[in-house]
Amino acid sequence: MTFRPDHELHKRRKGRNIGVGLVLVGFVALVFLLTVVKVERGGSLQGFDHTQRIDMVPQGSNK
């Protein structure tokens, strides 16, 4: 039993799929690296939930 060679259309699709896969892996790596940098920096890790909290008010504010 022999397999027929791939059609030219399949070769182009495979190339596009590899390209999309590499872009997706790059995006995931970028999001991961940004998360790591944010956590390492420490900064303000609290989210914004539309309430005023004393630890979010700038120092020296008279409000």
C-alpha atoms as a PDB file:
ATOM      1  CA  MET A   1       0.000   0.000   0.000  1.00  0.00           C
ATOM      2  CA  THR A   2       1.505   3.290  -1.076  1.00  0.00           C
ATOM      3  CA  PHE A   3       0.532   6.778  -0.044  1.00  0.00           C
ATOM      4  CA  ARG A   4      -0.004   9.452  -2.619  1.00  0.00           C
ATOM      5  CA  PRO A   5       2.250  12.509  -2.357  1.00  0.00           C
ATOM      6  CA  ASP A   6       0.722  15.575  -0.691  1.00  0.00           C
ATOM      7  CA  HIS A   7      -1.025  18.011  -2.939  1.00  0.00           C
ATOM      8  CA  GLU A   8       0.475  21.502  -3.260  1.00  0.00           C
ATOM      9  CA  LEU A   9      -2.533  22.939  -1.403  1.00  0.00           C
ATOM     10  CA  HIS A  10      -1.753  20.798   1.641  1.00  0.00           C
ATOM     11  CA  LYS A  11       1.836  22.008   1.678  1.00  0.00           C
ATOM     12  CA  ARG A  12       0.693  25.649   1.682  1.00  0.00           C
ATOM     13  CA  ARG A  13      -1.816  25.002   4.465  1.00  0.00           C
ATOM     14  CA  LYS A  14       0.857  23.289   6.533  1.00  0.00           C
ATOM     15  CA  GLY A  15       3.118  26.313   6.138  1.00  0.00           C
ATOM     16  CA  ARG A  16       0.342  28.676   7.203  1.00  0.00           C
ATOM     17  CA  ASN A  17      -0.537  26.489  10.183  1.00  0.00           C
ATOM     18  CA  ILE A  18       3.075  26.489  11.324  1.00  0.00           C
ATOM     19  CA  GLY A  19       3.177  30.283  10.970  1.00  0.00           C
ATOM     20  CA  VAL A  20      -0.012  30.763  12.993  1.00  0.00           C
ATOM     21  CA  GLY A  21       1.293  28.342  15.617  1.00  0.00           C
ATOM     22  CA  LEU A  22       4.539  30.275  15.969  1.00  0.00           C
ATOM     23  CA  VAL A  23       2.660  33.573  16.310  1.00  0.00           C
ATOM     24  CA  LEU A  24       0.439  32.032  18.991  1.00  0.00           C
ATOM     25  CA  VAL A  25       3.439  30.689  20.919  1.00  0.00           C
ATOM     26  CA  GLY A  26       5.092  34.124  20.680  1.00  0.00           C
ATOM     27  CA  PHE A  27       1.965  35.836  22.041  1.00  0.00           C
ATOM     28  CA  VAL A  28       1.719  33.411  24.960  1.00  0.00           C
ATOM     29  CA  ALA A  29       5.421  33.952  25.731  1.00  0.00           C
ATOM     30  CA  LEU A  30       4.929  37.736  25.645  1.00  0.00           C
ATOM     31  CA  VAL A  31       1.988  37.599  28.065  1.00  0.00           C
ATOM     32  CA  PHE A  32       3.947  35.270  30.361  1.00  0.00           C
ATOM     33  CA  LEU A  33       7.000  37.541  30.374  1.00  0.00           C
ATOM     34  CA  LEU A  34       4.889  40.627  31.085  1.00  0.00           C
ATOM     35  CA  THR A  35       3.269  38.786  33.992  1.00  0.00           C
ATOM     36  CA  VAL A  36       6.647  37.761  35.403  1.00  0.00           C
ATOM     37  CA  VAL A  37       7.963  41.331  35.168  1.00  0.00           C
ATOM     38  CA  LYS A  38       4.834  42.708  36.868  1.00  0.00           C
ATOM     39  CA  VAL A  39       5.109  40.208  39.743  1.00  0.00           C
ATOM     40  CA  GLU A  40       8.864  40.716  40.204  1.00  0.00           C
ATOM     41  CA  ARG A  41       8.499  44.492  40.325  1.00  0.00           C
ATOM     42  CA  GLY A  42       5.993  44.218  43.157  1.00  0.00           C
ATOM     43  CA  GLY A  43       4.172  47.478  42.447  1.00  0.00           C
ATOM     44  CA  SER A  44       0.458  47.715  42.979  1.00  0.00           C
ATOM     45  CA  LEU A  45      -0.912  44.253  42.420  1.00  0.00           C
ATOM     46  CA  GLN A  46      -4.437  45.163  43.505  1.00  0.00           C
ATOM     47  CA  GLY A  47      -7.167  45.387  40.933  1.00  0.00           C
ATOM     48  CA  PHE A  48      -9.529  48.286  40.324  1.00  0.00           C
ATOM     49  CA  ASP A  49     -13.009  47.477  41.611  1.00  0.00           C
ATOM     50  CA  HIS A  50     -14.601  50.980  41.642  1.00  0.00           C
ATOM     51  CA  THR A  51     -14.179  51.485  45.376  1.00  0.00           C
ATOM     52  CA  GLN A  52     -11.845  53.873  47.133  1.00  0.00           C
ATOM     53  CA  ARG A  53      -9.344  52.171  49.407  1.00  0.00           C
ATOM     54  CA  ILE A  54      -6.968  53.953  51.723  1.00  0.00           C
ATOM     55  CA  ASP A  55      -3.938  52.087  50.378  1.00  0.00           C
ATOM     56  CA  MET A  56      -4.743  53.303  46.845  1.00  0.00           C
ATOM     57  CA  VAL A  57      -5.010  57.013  47.793  1.00  0.00           C
ATOM     58  CA  PRO A  58      -1.811  58.967  47.036  1.00  0.00           C
ATOM     59  CA  GLN A  59       0.119  60.198  50.083  1.00  0.00           C
ATOM     60  CA  GLY A  60      -0.588  63.805  51.080  1.00  0.00           C
ATOM     61  CA  SER A  61      -4.094  63.848  49.602  1.00  0.00           C
ATOM     62  CA  ASN A  62      -6.668  65.783  51.687  1.00  0.00           C
ATOM     63  CA  LYS A  63      -9.727  63.914  50.421  1.00  0.00           C
END
